[in-house]
């Protein structure tokens, strides 16, 4: 999808969704919903920094508990 000089990609699934209290912290380092020892909580934080800081883009998430989660990445278009 292209919008005002940006190109985007959205991906989602119909899984368990993301609770609002987790969604607010989702891109912070060391946030994980996995049991202790099964995740570092760095994946989305690192992805967020790469997309926003290194490429000037954005990552957003839309989710409803029990229904779906959808992540959208938008990057500036280079002429």
PDB file of N, CA and C in Angstrom:
ATOM      1  N   UNK A   1       0.837  -1.174   0.000  1.00  0.00           N
ATOM      2  CA  UNK A   1       0.000   0.000   0.000  1.00  0.00           C
ATOM      3  C   UNK A   1       0.885   1.241   0.000  1.00  0.00           C
ATOM      4  N   UNK A   2       0.609   2.212  -0.826  1.00  0.00           N
ATOM      5  CA  UNK A   2       1.384   3.447  -0.895  1.00  0.00           C
ATOM      6  C   UNK A   2       0.496   4.619  -0.483  1.00  0.00           C
ATOM      7  N   UNK A   3       0.989   5.446   0.421  1.00  0.00           N
ATOM      8  CA  UNK A   3       0.240   6.598   0.905  1.00  0.00           C
ATOM      9  C   UNK A   3       1.192   7.773   1.041  1.00  0.00           C
ATOM     10  N   UNK A   4       0.921   8.870   0.355  1.00  0.00           N
ATOM     11  CA  UNK A   4       1.672  10.115   0.473  1.00  0.00           C
ATOM     12  C   UNK A   4       3.173   9.916   0.662  1.00  0.00           C
ATOM     13  N   UNK A   5       3.821   9.343  -0.329  1.00  0.00           N
ATOM     14  CA  UNK A   5       5.263   9.184  -0.270  1.00  0.00           C
ATOM     15  C   UNK A   5       5.755   8.069   0.636  1.00  0.00           C
ATOM     16  N   UNK A   6       4.865   7.215   1.083  1.00  0.00           N
ATOM     17  CA  UNK A   6       5.246   6.100   1.936  1.00  0.00           C
ATOM     18  C   UNK A   6       4.746   4.803   1.323  1.00  0.00           C
ATOM     19  N   UNK A   7       5.444   3.747   1.634  1.00  0.00           N
ATOM     20  CA  UNK A   7       4.996   2.423   1.219  1.00  0.00           C
ATOM     21  C   UNK A   7       4.787   1.611   2.492  1.00  0.00           C
ATOM     22  N   UNK A   8       3.766   0.782   2.522  1.00  0.00           N
ATOM     23  CA  UNK A   8       3.462   0.063   3.752  1.00  0.00           C
ATOM     24  C   UNK A   8       3.175  -1.402   3.519  1.00  0.00           C
ATOM     25  N   UNK A   9       3.258  -2.143   4.601  1.00  0.00           N
ATOM     26  CA  UNK A   9       2.946  -3.564   4.585  1.00  0.00           C
ATOM     27  C   UNK A   9       2.183  -3.875   5.859  1.00  0.00           C
ATOM     28  N   UNK A  10       1.106  -4.585   5.744  1.00  0.00           N
ATOM     29  CA  UNK A  10       0.339  -4.999   6.913  1.00  0.00           C
ATOM     30  C   UNK A  10       0.265  -6.508   6.985  1.00  0.00           C
ATOM     31  N   UNK A  11       0.379  -7.036   8.169  1.00  0.00           N
ATOM     32  CA  UNK A  11       0.274  -8.470   8.366  1.00  0.00           C
ATOM     33  C   UNK A  11      -0.494  -8.741   9.643  1.00  0.00           C
ATOM     34  N   UNK A  12      -1.320  -9.741   9.641  1.00  0.00           N
ATOM     35  CA  UNK A  12      -2.107 -10.014  10.835  1.00  0.00           C
ATOM     36  C   UNK A  12      -2.499 -11.469  10.932  1.00  0.00           C
ATOM     37  N   UNK A  13      -3.223 -11.770  11.990  1.00  0.00           N
ATOM     38  CA  UNK A  13      -3.728 -13.123  12.187  1.00  0.00           C
ATOM     39  C   UNK A  13      -4.966 -13.068  13.063  1.00  0.00           C
ATOM     40  N   UNK A  14      -5.673 -14.147  13.127  1.00  0.00           N
ATOM     41  CA  UNK A  14      -6.896 -14.212  13.925  1.00  0.00           C
ATOM     42  C   UNK A  14      -6.656 -15.016  15.197  1.00  0.00           C
ATOM     43  N   UNK A  15      -5.566 -14.711  15.904  1.00  0.00           N
ATOM     44  CA  UNK A  15      -5.210 -15.417  17.133  1.00  0.00           C
ATOM     45  C   UNK A  15      -5.909 -14.840  18.349  1.00  0.00           C
ATOM     46  N   UNK A  16      -5.198 -14.814  19.458  1.00  0.00           N
ATOM     47  CA  UNK A  16      -5.806 -14.412  20.731  1.00  0.00           C
ATOM     48  C   UNK A  16      -5.859 -12.911  20.935  1.00  0.00           C
ATOM     49  N   UNK A  17      -5.180 -12.136  20.108  1.00  0.00           N
ATOM     50  CA  UNK A  17      -5.183 -10.688  20.263  1.00  0.00           C
ATOM     51  C   UNK A  17      -4.227 -10.240  21.354  1.00  0.00           C
ATOM     52  N   UNK A  18      -4.127  -8.928  21.528  1.00  0.00           N
ATOM     53  CA  UNK A  18      -3.197  -8.342  22.498  1.00  0.00           C
ATOM     54  C   UNK A  18      -3.990  -7.452  23.440  1.00  0.00           C
ATOM     55  N   UNK A  19      -3.863  -7.713  24.733  1.00  0.00           N
ATOM     56  CA  UNK A  19      -4.572  -6.925  25.738  1.00  0.00           C
ATOM     57  C   UNK A  19      -4.092  -5.472  25.715  1.00  0.00           C
ATOM     58  N   UNK A  20      -4.969  -4.534  25.987  1.00  0.00           N
ATOM     59  CA  UNK A  20      -4.667  -3.108  25.952  1.00  0.00           C
ATOM     60  C   UNK A  20      -3.480  -2.748  26.840  1.00  0.00           C
ATOM     61  N   UNK A  21      -3.400  -3.336  28.041  1.00  0.00           N
ATOM     62  CA  UNK A  21      -2.291  -3.012  28.950  1.00  0.00           C
ATOM     63  C   UNK A  21      -0.943  -3.483  28.416  1.00  0.00           C
ATOM     64  N   UNK A  22      -0.941  -4.525  27.604  1.00  0.00           N
ATOM     65  CA  UNK A  22       0.284  -4.999  26.968  1.00  0.00           C
ATOM     66  C   UNK A  22       0.563  -4.168  25.714  1.00  0.00           C
ATOM     67  N   UNK A  23      -0.483  -3.863  24.956  1.00  0.00           N
ATOM     68  CA  UNK A  23      -0.340  -3.115  23.713  1.00  0.00           C
ATOM     69  C   UNK A  23       0.334  -1.759  23.944  1.00  0.00           C
ATOM     70  N   UNK A  24       0.040  -1.126  25.059  1.00  0.00           N
ATOM     71  CA  UNK A  24       0.636   0.174  25.381  1.00  0.00           C
ATOM     72  C   UNK A  24       2.149   0.089  25.584  1.00  0.00           C
ATOM     73  N   UNK A  25       2.666  -1.090  25.922  1.00  0.00           N
ATOM     74  CA  UNK A  25       4.097  -1.276  26.208  1.00  0.00           C
ATOM     75  C   UNK A  25       4.799  -2.138  25.159  1.00  0.00           C
ATOM     76  N   UNK A  26       4.099  -2.520  24.140  1.00  0.00           N
ATOM     77  CA  UNK A  26       4.548  -3.543  23.197  1.00  0.00           C
ATOM     78  C   UNK A  26       5.927  -3.303  22.593  1.00  0.00           C
ATOM     79  N   UNK A  27       6.279  -2.064  22.307  1.00  0.00           N
ATOM     80  CA  UNK A  27       7.540  -1.773  21.638  1.00  0.00           C
ATOM     81  C   UNK A  27       8.657  -1.390  22.605  1.00  0.00           C
ATOM     82  N   UNK A  28       8.406  -1.513  23.904  1.00  0.00           N
ATOM     83  CA  UNK A  28       9.444  -1.251  24.902  1.00  0.00           C
ATOM     84  C   UNK A  28      10.326  -2.491  25.059  1.00  0.00           C
ATOM     85  N   UNK A  29      11.620  -2.287  25.353  1.00  0.00           N
ATOM     86  CA  UNK A  29      12.507  -3.449  25.538  1.00  0.00           C
ATOM     87  C   UNK A  29      12.085  -4.316  26.728  1.00  0.00           C
ATOM     88  N   UNK A  30      12.294  -5.602  26.603  1.00  0.00           N
ATOM     89  CA  UNK A  30      12.095  -6.612  27.650  1.00  0.00           C
ATOM     90  C   UNK A  30      10.633  -6.851  28.015  1.00  0.00           C
ATOM     91  N   UNK A  31       9.707  -6.422  27.168  1.00  0.00           N
ATOM     92  CA  UNK A  31       8.294  -6.728  27.391  1.00  0.00           C
ATOM     93  C   UNK A  31       7.987  -8.037  26.668  1.00  0.00           C
ATOM     94  N   UNK A  32       7.513  -9.020  27.400  1.00  0.00           N
ATOM     95  CA  UNK A  32       7.149 -10.301  26.802  1.00  0.00           C
ATOM     96  C   UNK A  32       5.944 -10.873  27.526  1.00  0.00           C
ATOM     97  N   UNK A  33       5.156 -11.620  26.805  1.00  0.00           N
ATOM     98  CA  UNK A  33       4.021 -12.314  27.410  1.00  0.00           C
ATOM     99  C   UNK A  33       4.337 -13.796  27.579  1.00  0.00           C
ATOM    100  N   UNK A  34       5.541 -14.181  27.181  1.00  0.00           N
ATOM    101  CA  UNK A  34       5.959 -15.584  27.305  1.00  0.00           C
ATOM    102  C   UNK A  34       6.419 -15.865  28.734  1.00  0.00           C
ATOM    103  N   UNK A  35       6.403 -17.128  29.135  1.00  0.00           N
ATOM    104  CA  UNK A  35       6.910 -17.490  30.461  1.00  0.00           C
ATOM    105  C   UNK A  35       8.390 -17.131  30.609  1.00  0.00           C
ATOM    106  N   UNK A  36       8.837 -16.936  31.824  1.00  0.00           N
ATOM    107  CA  UNK A  36      10.232 -16.611  32.104  1.00  0.00           C
ATOM    108  C   UNK A  36      11.156 -17.625  31.442  1.00  0.00           C
ATOM    109  N   UNK A  37      12.177 -17.112  30.772  1.00  0.00           N
ATOM    110  CA  UNK A  37      13.150 -17.969  30.106  1.00  0.00           C
ATOM    111  C   UNK A  37      12.800 -18.341  28.678  1.00  0.00           C
ATOM    112  N   UNK A  38      11.618 -17.958  28.207  1.00  0.00           N
ATOM    113  CA  UNK A  38      11.202 -18.341  26.853  1.00  0.00           C
ATOM    114  C   UNK A  38      11.190 -17.177  25.874  1.00  0.00           C
ATOM    115  N   UNK A  39      11.648 -16.030  26.285  1.00  0.00           N
ATOM    116  CA  UNK A  39      11.685 -14.889  25.373  1.00  0.00           C
ATOM    117  C   UNK A  39      12.423 -13.739  26.027  1.00  0.00           C
ATOM    118  N   UNK A  40      13.095 -12.949  25.203  1.00  0.00           N
ATOM    119  CA  UNK A  40      13.842 -11.819  25.755  1.00  0.00           C
ATOM    120  C   UNK A  40      13.018 -10.541  25.771  1.00  0.00           C
ATOM    121  N   UNK A  41      11.968 -10.482  24.956  1.00  0.00           N
ATOM    122  CA  UNK A  41      11.180  -9.265  24.883  1.00  0.00           C
ATOM    123  C   UNK A  41      11.882  -8.161  24.112  1.00  0.00           C
ATOM    124  N   UNK A  42      12.791  -8.543  23.223  1.00  0.00           N
ATOM    125  CA  UNK A  42      13.538  -7.539  22.457  1.00  0.00           C
ATOM    126  C   UNK A  42      13.129  -7.467  20.983  1.00  0.00           C
ATOM    127  N   UNK A  43      12.443  -8.460  20.469  1.00  0.00           N
ATOM    128  CA  UNK A  43      12.130  -8.523  19.040  1.00  0.00           C
ATOM    129  C   UNK A  43      11.397  -7.309  18.513  1.00  0.00           C
ATOM    130  N   UNK A  44      10.277  -6.944  19.123  1.00  0.00           N
ATOM    131  CA  UNK A  44       9.512  -5.799  18.639  1.00  0.00           C
ATOM    132  C   UNK A  44      10.211  -4.486  18.946  1.00  0.00           C
ATOM    133  N   UNK A  45      10.944  -4.421  20.047  1.00  0.00           N
ATOM    134  CA  UNK A  45      11.695  -3.213  20.383  1.00  0.00           C
ATOM    135  C   UNK A  45      12.777  -2.941  19.348  1.00  0.00           C
ATOM    136  N   UNK A  46      13.523  -3.972  18.981  1.00  0.00           N
ATOM    137  CA  UNK A  46      14.568  -3.837  17.968  1.00  0.00           C
ATOM    138  C   UNK A  46      13.943  -3.489  16.612  1.00  0.00           C
ATOM    139  N   UNK A  47      12.872  -4.156  16.260  1.00  0.00           N
ATOM    140  CA  UNK A  47      12.184  -3.871  14.999  1.00  0.00           C
ATOM    141  C   UNK A  47      11.706  -2.427  14.957  1.00  0.00           C
ATOM    142  N   UNK A  48      11.135  -1.955  16.057  1.00  0.00           N
ATOM    143  CA  UNK A  48      10.647  -0.585  16.137  1.00  0.00           C
ATOM    144  C   UNK A  48      11.782   0.412  15.922  1.00  0.00           C
ATOM    145  N   UNK A  49      12.916   0.189  16.582  1.00  0.00           N
ATOM    146  CA  UNK A  49      14.063   1.088  16.419  1.00  0.00           C
ATOM    147  C   UNK A  49      14.588   1.085  14.979  1.00  0.00           C
ATOM    148  N   UNK A  50      14.667  -0.076  14.367  1.00  0.00           N
ATOM    149  CA  UNK A  50      15.155  -0.154  12.982  1.00  0.00           C
ATOM    150  C   UNK A  50      14.223   0.615  12.047  1.00  0.00           C
ATOM    151  N   UNK A  51      12.932   0.371  12.172  1.00  0.00           N
ATOM    152  CA  UNK A  51      11.965   1.008  11.274  1.00  0.00           C
ATOM    153  C   UNK A  51      11.874   2.510  11.525  1.00  0.00           C
ATOM    154  N   UNK A  52      11.793   2.930  12.785  1.00  0.00           N
ATOM    155  CA  UNK A  52      11.578   4.349  13.079  1.00  0.00           C
ATOM    156  C   UNK A  52      12.858   5.176  13.073  1.00  0.00           C
ATOM    157  N   UNK A  53      13.904   4.687  13.724  1.00  0.00           N
ATOM    158  CA  UNK A  53      15.134   5.464  13.861  1.00  0.00           C
ATOM    159  C   UNK A  53      16.028   5.376  12.623  1.00  0.00           C
ATOM    160  N   UNK A  54      16.176   4.192  12.073  1.00  0.00           N
ATOM    161  CA  UNK A  54      17.098   4.021  10.952  1.00  0.00           C
ATOM    162  C   UNK A  54      16.464   4.306   9.591  1.00  0.00           C
ATOM    163  N   UNK A  55      15.139   4.140   9.498  1.00  0.00           N
ATOM    164  CA  UNK A  55      14.487   4.312   8.205  1.00  0.00           C
ATOM    165  C   UNK A  55      13.424   5.408   8.183  1.00  0.00           C
ATOM    166  N   UNK A  56      13.156   6.045   9.310  1.00  0.00           N
ATOM    167  CA  UNK A  56      12.174   7.126   9.347  1.00  0.00           C
ATOM    168  C   UNK A  56      10.745   6.682   9.111  1.00  0.00           C
ATOM    169  N   UNK A  57      10.452   5.434   9.422  1.00  0.00           N
ATOM    170  CA  UNK A  57       9.118   4.884   9.197  1.00  0.00           C
ATOM    171  C   UNK A  57       8.316   4.774  10.480  1.00  0.00           C
ATOM    172  N   UNK A  58       7.292   3.947  10.439  1.00  0.00           N
ATOM    173  CA  UNK A  58       6.438   3.741  11.615  1.00  0.00           C
ATOM    174  C   UNK A  58       5.939   2.299  11.651  1.00  0.00           C
ATOM    175  N   UNK A  59       5.660   1.831  12.856  1.00  0.00           N
ATOM    176  CA  UNK A  59       5.012   0.536  13.058  1.00  0.00           C
ATOM    177  C   UNK A  59       3.806   0.794  13.949  1.00  0.00           C
ATOM    178  N   UNK A  60       2.650   0.295  13.538  1.00  0.00           N
ATOM    179  CA  UNK A  60       1.455   0.413  14.365  1.00  0.00           C
ATOM    180  C   UNK A  60       0.851  -0.969  14.556  1.00  0.00           C
ATOM    181  N   UNK A  61       0.062  -1.089  15.616  1.00  0.00           N
ATOM    182  CA  UNK A  61      -0.617  -2.355  15.876  1.00  0.00           C
ATOM    183  C   UNK A  61      -2.083  -2.070  16.163  1.00  0.00           C
ATOM    184  N   UNK A  62      -2.935  -2.895  15.593  1.00  0.00           N
ATOM    185  CA  UNK A  62      -4.365  -2.857  15.868  1.00  0.00           C
ATOM    186  C   UNK A  62      -4.722  -4.257  16.344  1.00  0.00           C
ATOM    187  N   UNK A  63      -5.429  -4.357  17.441  1.00  0.00           N
ATOM    188  CA  UNK A  63      -5.732  -5.670  17.990  1.00  0.00           C
ATOM    189  C   UNK A  63      -7.005  -5.629  18.814  1.00  0.00           C
ATOM    190  N   UNK A  64      -7.703  -6.730  18.812  1.00  0.00           N
ATOM    191  CA  UNK A  64      -8.864  -6.911  19.677  1.00  0.00           C
ATOM    192  C   UNK A  64      -8.738  -8.286  20.320  1.00  0.00           C
ATOM    193  N   UNK A  65      -8.735  -8.295  21.650  1.00  0.00           N
ATOM    194  CA  UNK A  65      -8.558  -9.546  22.398  1.00  0.00           C
ATOM    195  C   UNK A  65      -9.602 -10.569  21.957  1.00  0.00           C
ATOM    196  N   UNK A  66      -9.121 -11.777  21.686  1.00  0.00           N
ATOM    197  CA  UNK A  66      -9.997 -12.870  21.278  1.00  0.00           C
ATOM    198  C   UNK A  66     -10.337 -12.874  19.803  1.00  0.00           C
ATOM    199  N   UNK A  67      -9.854 -11.860  19.049  1.00  0.00           N
ATOM    200  CA  UNK A  67     -10.227 -11.794  17.637  1.00  0.00           C
ATOM    201  C   UNK A  67      -9.044 -11.718  16.679  1.00  0.00           C
ATOM    202  N   UNK A  68      -8.153 -10.722  16.832  1.00  0.00           N
ATOM    203  CA  UNK A  68      -7.096 -10.548  15.836  1.00  0.00           C
ATOM    204  C   UNK A  68      -6.009  -9.610  16.350  1.00  0.00           C
ATOM    205  N   UNK A  69      -4.889  -9.616  15.637  1.00  0.00           N
ATOM    206  CA  UNK A  69      -3.815  -8.633  15.776  1.00  0.00           C
ATOM    207  C   UNK A  69      -3.315  -8.324  14.377  1.00  0.00           C
ATOM    208  N   UNK A  70      -3.034  -7.045  14.118  1.00  0.00           N
ATOM    209  CA  UNK A  70      -2.507  -6.650  12.818  1.00  0.00           C
ATOM    210  C   UNK A  70      -1.433  -5.594  13.017  1.00  0.00           C
ATOM    211  N   UNK A  71      -0.273  -5.859  12.452  1.00  0.00           N
ATOM    212  CA  UNK A  71       0.840  -4.914  12.497  1.00  0.00           C
ATOM    213  C   UNK A  71       0.987  -4.285  11.118  1.00  0.00           C
ATOM    214  N   UNK A  72       1.220  -2.976  11.094  1.00  0.00           N
ATOM    215  CA  UNK A  72       1.446  -2.261   9.837  1.00  0.00           C
ATOM    216  C   UNK A  72       2.777  -1.529   9.920  1.00  0.00           C
ATOM    217  N   UNK A  73       3.603  -1.730   8.917  1.00  0.00           N
ATOM    218  CA  UNK A  73       4.895  -1.049   8.822  1.00  0.00           C
ATOM    219  C   UNK A  73       4.818  -0.106   7.627  1.00  0.00           C
ATOM    220  N   UNK A  74       5.172   1.159   7.848  1.00  0.00           N
ATOM    221  CA  UNK A  74       5.215   2.144   6.765  1.00  0.00           C
ATOM    222  C   UNK A  74       6.613   2.738   6.686  1.00  0.00           C
ATOM    223  N   UNK A  75       7.148   2.789   5.477  1.00  0.00           N
ATOM    224  CA  UNK A  75       8.489   3.335   5.245  1.00  0.00           C
ATOM    225  C   UNK A  75       8.403   4.437   4.200  1.00  0.00           C
ATOM    226  N   UNK A  76       9.273   5.460   4.318  1.00  0.00           N
ATOM    227  CA  UNK A  76       9.292   6.513   3.295  1.00  0.00           C
ATOM    228  C   UNK A  76       9.735   5.930   1.953  1.00  0.00           C
ATOM    229  N   UNK A  77       9.156   6.439   0.886  1.00  0.00           N
ATOM    230  CA  UNK A  77       9.575   6.032  -0.463  1.00  0.00           C
ATOM    231  C   UNK A  77      10.785   6.849  -0.855  1.00  0.00           C
ATOM    232  N   UNK A  78      11.738   6.204  -1.452  1.00  0.00           N
ATOM    233  CA  UNK A  78      12.930   6.892  -1.965  1.00  0.00           C
ATOM    234  C   UNK A  78      12.734   7.113  -3.455  1.00  0.00           C
ATOM    235  N   UNK A  79      12.965   8.356  -3.939  1.00  0.00           N
ATOM    236  CA  UNK A  79      12.784   8.612  -5.379  1.00  0.00           C
ATOM    237  C   UNK A  79      13.827   7.886  -6.214  1.00  0.00           C
TER     238      UNK A  79
END
